[in-house]
Amino acid sequence: MGPSKKRKIALTAGVAVALVTAGVLWRATAVGTNGNTPPSPDSGSTSVRTNPDPDSVERYWTQERMDRAEPAPMPEDD
């Protein structure tokens, strides 16, 4: 087997590995966390807040505040 044939085999193997790798990476980014659904569109927000003191929520939302509370405005379909 000459150097030209070995080179073709090596090149073919390299291309095959690259294609398989690209396919695996594409598939990994095309599915969501459960593996079946595509990821949801970017909402533009990456902020996450965690309440370090959940009891403060109960202290804040007294019965008087609950009675005066109004629902948050919701987007309307056009």
PDB file of N, CA and C in Angstrom:
ATOM      1  N   MET A   1       0.861  -1.157   0.000  1.00  0.00           N
ATOM      2  CA  MET A   1       0.000   0.000   0.000  1.00  0.00           C
ATOM      3  C   MET A   1       0.914   1.228   0.000  1.00  0.00           C
ATOM      4  N   GLY A   2       0.697   2.088  -0.976  1.00  0.00           N
ATOM      5  CA  GLY A   2       1.542   3.261  -1.120  1.00  0.00           C
ATOM      6  C   GLY A   2       1.098   4.398  -0.217  1.00  0.00           C
ATOM      7  N   PRO A   3       1.954   5.438  -0.117  1.00  0.00           N
ATOM      8  CA  PRO A   3       1.628   6.587   0.737  1.00  0.00           C
ATOM      9  C   PRO A   3       0.338   7.279   0.299  1.00  0.00           C
ATOM     10  N   SER A   4       0.030   7.304  -0.987  1.00  0.00           N
ATOM     11  CA  SER A   4      -1.169   7.958  -1.478  1.00  0.00           C
ATOM     12  C   SER A   4      -2.431   7.246  -0.979  1.00  0.00           C
ATOM     13  N   LYS A   5      -2.421   5.918  -1.008  1.00  0.00           N
ATOM     14  CA  LYS A   5      -3.584   5.150  -0.562  1.00  0.00           C
ATOM     15  C   LYS A   5      -3.767   5.297   0.953  1.00  0.00           C
ATOM     16  N   LYS A   6      -2.672   5.270   1.717  1.00  0.00           N
ATOM     17  CA  LYS A   6      -2.744   5.444   3.170  1.00  0.00           C
ATOM     18  C   LYS A   6      -3.290   6.836   3.503  1.00  0.00           C
ATOM     19  N   ARG A   7      -2.881   7.803   2.722  1.00  0.00           N
ATOM     20  CA  ARG A   7      -3.341   9.163   2.946  1.00  0.00           C
ATOM     21  C   ARG A   7      -4.856   9.271   2.696  1.00  0.00           C
ATOM     22  N   LYS A   8      -5.344   8.627   1.645  1.00  0.00           N
ATOM     23  CA  LYS A   8      -6.770   8.649   1.339  1.00  0.00           C
ATOM     24  C   LYS A   8      -7.570   7.972   2.447  1.00  0.00           C
ATOM     25  N   ILE A   9      -7.068   6.856   2.962  1.00  0.00           N
ATOM     26  CA  ILE A   9      -7.761   6.138   4.037  1.00  0.00           C
ATOM     27  C   ILE A   9      -7.805   7.003   5.296  1.00  0.00           C
ATOM     28  N   ALA A  10      -6.665   7.629   5.618  1.00  0.00           N
ATOM     29  CA  ALA A  10      -6.611   8.481   6.805  1.00  0.00           C
ATOM     30  C   ALA A  10      -7.545   9.686   6.652  1.00  0.00           C
ATOM     31  N   LEU A  11      -7.562  10.272   5.469  1.00  0.00           N
ATOM     32  CA  LEU A  11      -8.434  11.413   5.222  1.00  0.00           C
ATOM     33  C   LEU A  11      -9.908  11.011   5.308  1.00  0.00           C
ATOM     34  N   THR A  12     -10.251   9.874   4.720  1.00  0.00           N
ATOM     35  CA  THR A  12     -11.626   9.375   4.772  1.00  0.00           C
ATOM     36  C   THR A  12     -12.044   9.096   6.217  1.00  0.00           C
ATOM     37  N   ALA A  13     -11.175   8.475   6.991  1.00  0.00           N
ATOM     38  CA  ALA A  13     -11.478   8.185   8.390  1.00  0.00           C
ATOM     39  C   ALA A  13     -11.643   9.476   9.186  1.00  0.00           C
ATOM     40  N   GLY A  14     -10.789  10.460   8.926  1.00  0.00           N
ATOM     41  CA  GLY A  14     -10.880  11.747   9.620  1.00  0.00           C
ATOM     42  C   GLY A  14     -12.185  12.455   9.308  1.00  0.00           C
ATOM     43  N   VAL A  15     -12.583  12.437   8.039  1.00  0.00           N
ATOM     44  CA  VAL A  15     -13.839  13.067   7.644  1.00  0.00           C
ATOM     45  C   VAL A  15     -15.016  12.343   8.297  1.00  0.00           C
ATOM     46  N   ALA A  16     -14.970  11.027   8.335  1.00  0.00           N
ATOM     47  CA  ALA A  16     -16.051  10.254   8.951  1.00  0.00           C
ATOM     48  C   ALA A  16     -16.169  10.578  10.435  1.00  0.00           C
ATOM     49  N   VAL A  17     -15.055  10.654  11.127  1.00  0.00           N
ATOM     50  CA  VAL A  17     -15.077  10.983  12.559  1.00  0.00           C
ATOM     51  C   VAL A  17     -15.621  12.395  12.765  1.00  0.00           C
ATOM     52  N   ALA A  18     -15.208  13.331  11.921  1.00  0.00           N
ATOM     53  CA  ALA A  18     -15.685  14.709  12.032  1.00  0.00           C
ATOM     54  C   ALA A  18     -17.193  14.781  11.804  1.00  0.00           C
ATOM     55  N   LEU A  19     -17.700  14.047  10.823  1.00  0.00           N
ATOM     56  CA  LEU A  19     -19.133  14.059  10.550  1.00  0.00           C
ATOM     57  C   LEU A  19     -19.935  13.440  11.691  1.00  0.00           C
ATOM     58  N   VAL A  20     -19.455  12.351  12.232  1.00  0.00           N
ATOM     59  CA  VAL A  20     -20.155  11.714  13.357  1.00  0.00           C
ATOM     60  C   VAL A  20     -20.160  12.659  14.561  1.00  0.00           C
ATOM     61  N   THR A  21     -19.013  13.275  14.838  1.00  0.00           N
ATOM     62  CA  THR A  21     -18.917  14.213  15.963  1.00  0.00           C
ATOM     63  C   THR A  21     -19.869  15.390  15.764  1.00  0.00           C
ATOM     64  N   ALA A  22     -19.890  15.942  14.561  1.00  0.00           N
ATOM     65  CA  ALA A  22     -20.784  17.067  14.273  1.00  0.00           C
ATOM     66  C   ALA A  22     -22.242  16.644  14.440  1.00  0.00           C
ATOM     67  N   GLY A  23     -22.592  15.452  13.998  1.00  0.00           N
ATOM     68  CA  GLY A  23     -23.962  14.964  14.147  1.00  0.00           C
ATOM     69  C   GLY A  23     -24.358  14.788  15.596  1.00  0.00           C
ATOM     70  N   VAL A  24     -23.454  14.247  16.388  1.00  0.00           N
ATOM     71  CA  VAL A  24     -23.738  14.051  17.814  1.00  0.00           C
ATOM     72  C   VAL A  24     -23.902  15.398  18.512  1.00  0.00           C
ATOM     73  N   LEU A  25     -23.023  16.333  18.218  1.00  0.00           N
ATOM     74  CA  LEU A  25     -23.125  17.660  18.827  1.00  0.00           C
ATOM     75  C   LEU A  25     -24.394  18.377  18.385  1.00  0.00           C
ATOM     76  N   TRP A  26     -24.747  18.267  17.111  1.00  0.00           N
ATOM     77  CA  TRP A  26     -25.968  18.899  16.612  1.00  0.00           C
ATOM     78  C   TRP A  26     -27.179  18.328  17.329  1.00  0.00           C
ATOM     79  N   ARG A  27     -27.214  17.015  17.453  1.00  0.00           N
ATOM     80  CA  ARG A  27     -28.339  16.351  18.114  1.00  0.00           C
ATOM     81  C   ARG A  27     -28.421  16.757  19.585  1.00  0.00           C
ATOM     82  N   ALA A  28     -27.272  16.873  20.229  1.00  0.00           N
ATOM     83  CA  ALA A  28     -27.261  17.234  21.644  1.00  0.00           C
ATOM     84  C   ALA A  28     -27.792  18.641  21.862  1.00  0.00           C
ATOM     85  N   THR A  29     -27.557  19.542  20.938  1.00  0.00           N
ATOM     86  CA  THR A  29     -28.050  20.908  21.096  1.00  0.00           C
ATOM     87  C   THR A  29     -29.455  21.071  20.547  1.00  0.00           C
ATOM     88  N   ALA A  30     -29.960  20.113  19.800  1.00  0.00           N
ATOM     89  CA  ALA A  30     -31.286  20.228  19.186  1.00  0.00           C
ATOM     90  C   ALA A  30     -32.394  19.688  20.073  1.00  0.00           C
ATOM     91  N   VAL A  31     -32.072  19.033  21.172  1.00  0.00           N
ATOM     92  CA  VAL A  31     -33.097  18.484  22.050  1.00  0.00           C
ATOM     93  C   VAL A  31     -33.050  19.169  23.397  1.00  0.00           C
ATOM     94  N   GLY A  32     -34.168  19.146  24.097  1.00  0.00           N
ATOM     95  CA  GLY A  32     -34.244  19.731  25.422  1.00  0.00           C
ATOM     96  C   GLY A  32     -33.681  18.787  26.468  1.00  0.00           C
ATOM     97  N   THR A  33     -33.966  19.104  27.723  1.00  0.00           N
ATOM     98  CA  THR A  33     -33.396  18.331  28.819  1.00  0.00           C
ATOM     99  C   THR A  33     -33.953  16.915  28.901  1.00  0.00           C
ATOM    100  N   ASN A  34     -35.179  16.687  28.422  1.00  0.00           N
ATOM    101  CA  ASN A  34     -35.729  15.339  28.505  1.00  0.00           C
ATOM    102  C   ASN A  34     -35.357  14.489  27.292  1.00  0.00           C
ATOM    103  N   GLY A  35     -34.662  15.078  26.336  1.00  0.00           N
ATOM    104  CA  GLY A  35     -34.208  14.327  25.178  1.00  0.00           C
ATOM    105  C   GLY A  35     -35.230  14.199  24.066  1.00  0.00           C
ATOM    106  N   ASN A  36     -36.445  14.715  24.255  1.00  0.00           N
ATOM    107  CA  ASN A  36     -37.478  14.549  23.245  1.00  0.00           C
ATOM    108  C   ASN A  36     -37.977  15.853  22.641  1.00  0.00           C
ATOM    109  N   THR A  37     -37.862  16.949  23.371  1.00  0.00           N
ATOM    110  CA  THR A  37     -38.429  18.194  22.890  1.00  0.00           C
ATOM    111  C   THR A  37     -37.346  19.219  22.626  1.00  0.00           C
ATOM    112  N   PRO A  38     -37.554  20.075  21.641  1.00  0.00           N
ATOM    113  CA  PRO A  38     -36.582  21.127  21.397  1.00  0.00           C
ATOM    114  C   PRO A  38     -36.612  22.140  22.530  1.00  0.00           C
ATOM    115  N   PRO A  39     -35.533  22.852  22.753  1.00  0.00           N
ATOM    116  CA  PRO A  39     -35.527  23.833  23.829  1.00  0.00           C
ATOM    117  C   PRO A  39     -36.499  24.970  23.530  1.00  0.00           C
ATOM    118  N   SER A  40     -37.022  25.583  24.570  1.00  0.00           N
ATOM    119  CA  SER A  40     -37.946  26.692  24.382  1.00  0.00           C
ATOM    120  C   SER A  40     -37.177  27.919  23.902  1.00  0.00           C
ATOM    121  N   PRO A  41     -37.863  28.818  23.223  1.00  0.00           N
ATOM    122  CA  PRO A  41     -37.177  30.020  22.737  1.00  0.00           C
ATOM    123  C   PRO A  41     -36.627  30.848  23.884  1.00  0.00           C
ATOM    124  N   ASP A  42     -35.577  31.583  23.615  1.00  0.00           N
ATOM    125  CA  ASP A  42     -34.958  32.421  24.625  1.00  0.00           C
ATOM    126  C   ASP A  42     -35.926  33.536  25.000  1.00  0.00           C
ATOM    127  N   SER A  43     -36.216  33.660  26.274  1.00  0.00           N
ATOM    128  CA  SER A  43     -37.139  34.692  26.733  1.00  0.00           C
ATOM    129  C   SER A  43     -36.444  36.026  26.921  1.00  0.00           C
ATOM    130  N   GLY A  44     -35.129  36.058  26.818  1.00  0.00           N
ATOM    131  CA  GLY A  44     -34.386  37.287  27.002  1.00  0.00           C
ATOM    132  C   GLY A  44     -33.994  37.536  28.445  1.00  0.00           C
ATOM    133  N   SER A  45     -34.401  36.669  29.345  1.00  0.00           N
ATOM    134  CA  SER A  45     -34.078  36.847  30.752  1.00  0.00           C
ATOM    135  C   SER A  45     -33.305  35.647  31.263  1.00  0.00           C
ATOM    136  N   THR A  46     -32.252  35.939  31.989  1.00  0.00           N
ATOM    137  CA  THR A  46     -31.478  34.859  32.584  1.00  0.00           C
ATOM    138  C   THR A  46     -31.394  35.032  34.090  1.00  0.00           C
ATOM    139  N   SER A  47     -32.255  35.860  34.642  1.00  0.00           N
ATOM    140  CA  SER A  47     -32.233  36.160  36.056  1.00  0.00           C
ATOM    141  C   SER A  47     -33.001  35.105  36.847  1.00  0.00           C
ATOM    142  N   VAL A  48     -32.430  34.697  37.960  1.00  0.00           N
ATOM    143  CA  VAL A  48     -33.089  33.750  38.848  1.00  0.00           C
ATOM    144  C   VAL A  48     -32.892  34.255  40.271  1.00  0.00           C
ATOM    145  N   ARG A  49     -33.973  34.309  41.003  1.00  0.00           N
ATOM    146  CA  ARG A  49     -33.876  34.722  42.396  1.00  0.00           C
ATOM    147  C   ARG A  49     -34.332  33.585  43.297  1.00  0.00           C
ATOM    148  N   THR A  50     -33.627  33.413  44.362  1.00  0.00           N
ATOM    149  CA  THR A  50     -33.993  32.420  45.350  1.00  0.00           C
ATOM    150  C   THR A  50     -34.209  33.139  46.665  1.00  0.00           C
ATOM    151  N   ASN A  51     -35.342  32.886  47.286  1.00  0.00           N
ATOM    152  CA  ASN A  51     -35.639  33.531  48.555  1.00  0.00           C
ATOM    153  C   ASN A  51     -34.892  32.811  49.666  1.00  0.00           C
ATOM    154  N   PRO A  52     -33.930  33.483  50.294  1.00  0.00           N
ATOM    155  CA  PRO A  52     -33.179  32.806  51.351  1.00  0.00           C
ATOM    156  C   PRO A  52     -33.993  32.617  52.633  1.00  0.00           C
ATOM    157  N   ASP A  53     -35.114  33.343  52.747  1.00  0.00           N
ATOM    158  CA  ASP A  53     -35.932  33.251  53.952  1.00  0.00           C
ATOM    159  C   ASP A  53     -37.402  33.087  53.576  1.00  0.00           C
ATOM    160  N   PRO A  54     -37.849  31.852  53.275  1.00  0.00           N
ATOM    161  CA  PRO A  54     -39.248  31.644  52.878  1.00  0.00           C
ATOM    162  C   PRO A  54     -40.254  32.107  53.927  1.00  0.00           C
ATOM    163  N   ASP A  55     -39.879  32.087  55.179  1.00  0.00           N
ATOM    164  CA  ASP A  55     -40.799  32.529  56.231  1.00  0.00           C
ATOM    165  C   ASP A  55     -41.117  34.014  56.096  1.00  0.00           C
ATOM    166  N   SER A  56     -40.202  34.788  55.517  1.00  0.00           N
ATOM    167  CA  SER A  56     -40.461  36.222  55.350  1.00  0.00           C
ATOM    168  C   SER A  56     -41.628  36.453  54.399  1.00  0.00           C
ATOM    169  N   VAL A  57     -41.840  35.530  53.461  1.00  0.00           N
ATOM    170  CA  VAL A  57     -42.965  35.654  52.535  1.00  0.00           C
ATOM    171  C   VAL A  57     -44.273  35.531  53.313  1.00  0.00           C
ATOM    172  N   GLU A  58     -44.342  34.575  54.197  1.00  0.00           N
ATOM    173  CA  GLU A  58     -45.553  34.400  54.996  1.00  0.00           C
ATOM    174  C   GLU A  58     -45.776  35.583  55.929  1.00  0.00           C
ATOM    175  N   ARG A  59     -44.688  36.141  56.456  1.00  0.00           N
ATOM    176  CA  ARG A  59     -44.844  37.319  57.315  1.00  0.00           C
ATOM    177  C   ARG A  59     -45.304  38.523  56.502  1.00  0.00           C
ATOM    178  N   TYR A  60     -44.855  38.655  55.278  1.00  0.00           N
ATOM    179  CA  TYR A  60     -45.222  39.779  54.427  1.00  0.00           C
ATOM    180  C   TYR A  60     -46.680  39.717  53.996  1.00  0.00           C
ATOM    181  N   TRP A  61     -47.124  38.544  53.557  1.00  0.00           N
ATOM    182  CA  TRP A  61     -48.478  38.430  53.011  1.00  0.00           C
ATOM    183  C   TRP A  61     -49.493  38.223  54.133  1.00  0.00           C
ATOM    184  N   THR A  62     -49.773  39.310  54.808  1.00  0.00           N
ATOM    185  CA  THR A  62     -50.796  39.302  55.857  1.00  0.00           C
ATOM    186  C   THR A  62     -52.162  39.178  55.188  1.00  0.00           C
ATOM    187  N   GLN A  63     -53.197  38.919  55.986  1.00  0.00           N
ATOM    188  CA  GLN A  63     -54.549  38.801  55.436  1.00  0.00           C
ATOM    189  C   GLN A  63     -54.976  40.117  54.793  1.00  0.00           C
ATOM    190  N   GLU A  64     -54.605  41.238  55.385  1.00  0.00           N
ATOM    191  CA  GLU A  64     -54.957  42.548  54.826  1.00  0.00           C
ATOM    192  C   GLU A  64     -54.308  42.744  53.446  1.00  0.00           C
ATOM    193  N   ARG A  65     -53.062  42.387  53.319  1.00  0.00           N
ATOM    194  CA  ARG A  65     -52.388  42.505  52.023  1.00  0.00           C
ATOM    195  C   ARG A  65     -53.007  41.571  50.991  1.00  0.00           C
ATOM    196  N   MET A  66     -53.350  40.358  51.412  1.00  0.00           N
ATOM    197  CA  MET A  66     -53.970  39.402  50.483  1.00  0.00           C
ATOM    198  C   MET A  66     -55.315  39.936  49.984  1.00  0.00           C
ATOM    199  N   ASP A  67     -56.072  40.567  50.874  1.00  0.00           N
ATOM    200  CA  ASP A  67     -57.375  41.106  50.493  1.00  0.00           C
ATOM    201  C   ASP A  67     -57.233  42.254  49.490  1.00  0.00           C
ATOM    202  N   ARG A  68     -56.163  43.041  49.602  1.00  0.00           N
ATOM    203  CA  ARG A  68     -55.961  44.182  48.701  1.00  0.00           C
ATOM    204  C   ARG A  68     -55.196  43.805  47.430  1.00  0.00           C
ATOM    205  N   ALA A  69     -54.661  42.627  47.372  1.00  0.00           N
ATOM    206  CA  ALA A  69     -53.823  42.229  46.232  1.00  0.00           C
ATOM    207  C   ALA A  69     -54.639  42.162  44.948  1.00  0.00           C
ATOM    208  N   GLU A  70     -53.989  42.526  43.839  1.00  0.00           N
ATOM    209  CA  GLU A  70     -54.609  42.438  42.517  1.00  0.00           C
ATOM    210  C   GLU A  70     -53.736  41.562  41.643  1.00  0.00           C
ATOM    211  N   PRO A  71     -54.352  40.840  40.714  1.00  0.00           N
ATOM    212  CA  PRO A  71     -53.559  39.978  39.832  1.00  0.00           C
ATOM    213  C   PRO A  71     -52.617  40.803  38.961  1.00  0.00           C
ATOM    214  N   ALA A  72     -51.504  40.230  38.635  1.00  0.00           N
ATOM    215  CA  ALA A  72     -50.549  40.884  37.722  1.00  0.00           C
ATOM    216  C   ALA A  72     -51.163  40.973  36.327  1.00  0.00           C
ATOM    217  N   PRO A  73     -50.873  42.048  35.607  1.00  0.00           N
ATOM    218  CA  PRO A  73     -51.417  42.163  34.245  1.00  0.00           C
ATOM    219  C   PRO A  73     -50.853  41.057  33.359  1.00  0.00           C
ATOM    220  N   MET A  74     -51.715  40.502  32.547  1.00  0.00           N
ATOM    221  CA  MET A  74     -51.307  39.429  31.639  1.00  0.00           C
ATOM    222  C   MET A  74     -51.305  39.953  30.211  1.00  0.00           C
ATOM    223  N   PRO A  75     -50.411  39.452  29.376  1.00  0.00           N
ATOM    224  CA  PRO A  75     -50.420  39.880  27.977  1.00  0.00           C
ATOM    225  C   PRO A  75     -51.704  39.454  27.284  1.00  0.00           C
ATOM    226  N   GLU A  76     -52.125  40.266  26.346  1.00  0.00           N
ATOM    227  CA  GLU A  76     -53.354  39.980  25.612  1.00  0.00           C
ATOM    228  C   GLU A  76     -53.033  39.535  24.195  1.00  0.00           C
ATOM    229  N   ASP A  77     -53.811  38.578  23.682  1.00  0.00           N
ATOM    230  CA  ASP A  77     -53.665  38.152  22.287  1.00  0.00           C
ATOM    231  C   ASP A  77     -54.299  39.192  21.390  1.00  0.00           C
ATOM    232  N   ASP A  78     -53.614  39.500  20.304  1.00  0.00           N
ATOM    233  CA  ASP A  78     -54.167  40.456  19.331  1.00  0.00           C
ATOM    234  C   ASP A  78     -54.907  39.759  18.237  1.00  0.00           C
TER     235      ASP A  78
END
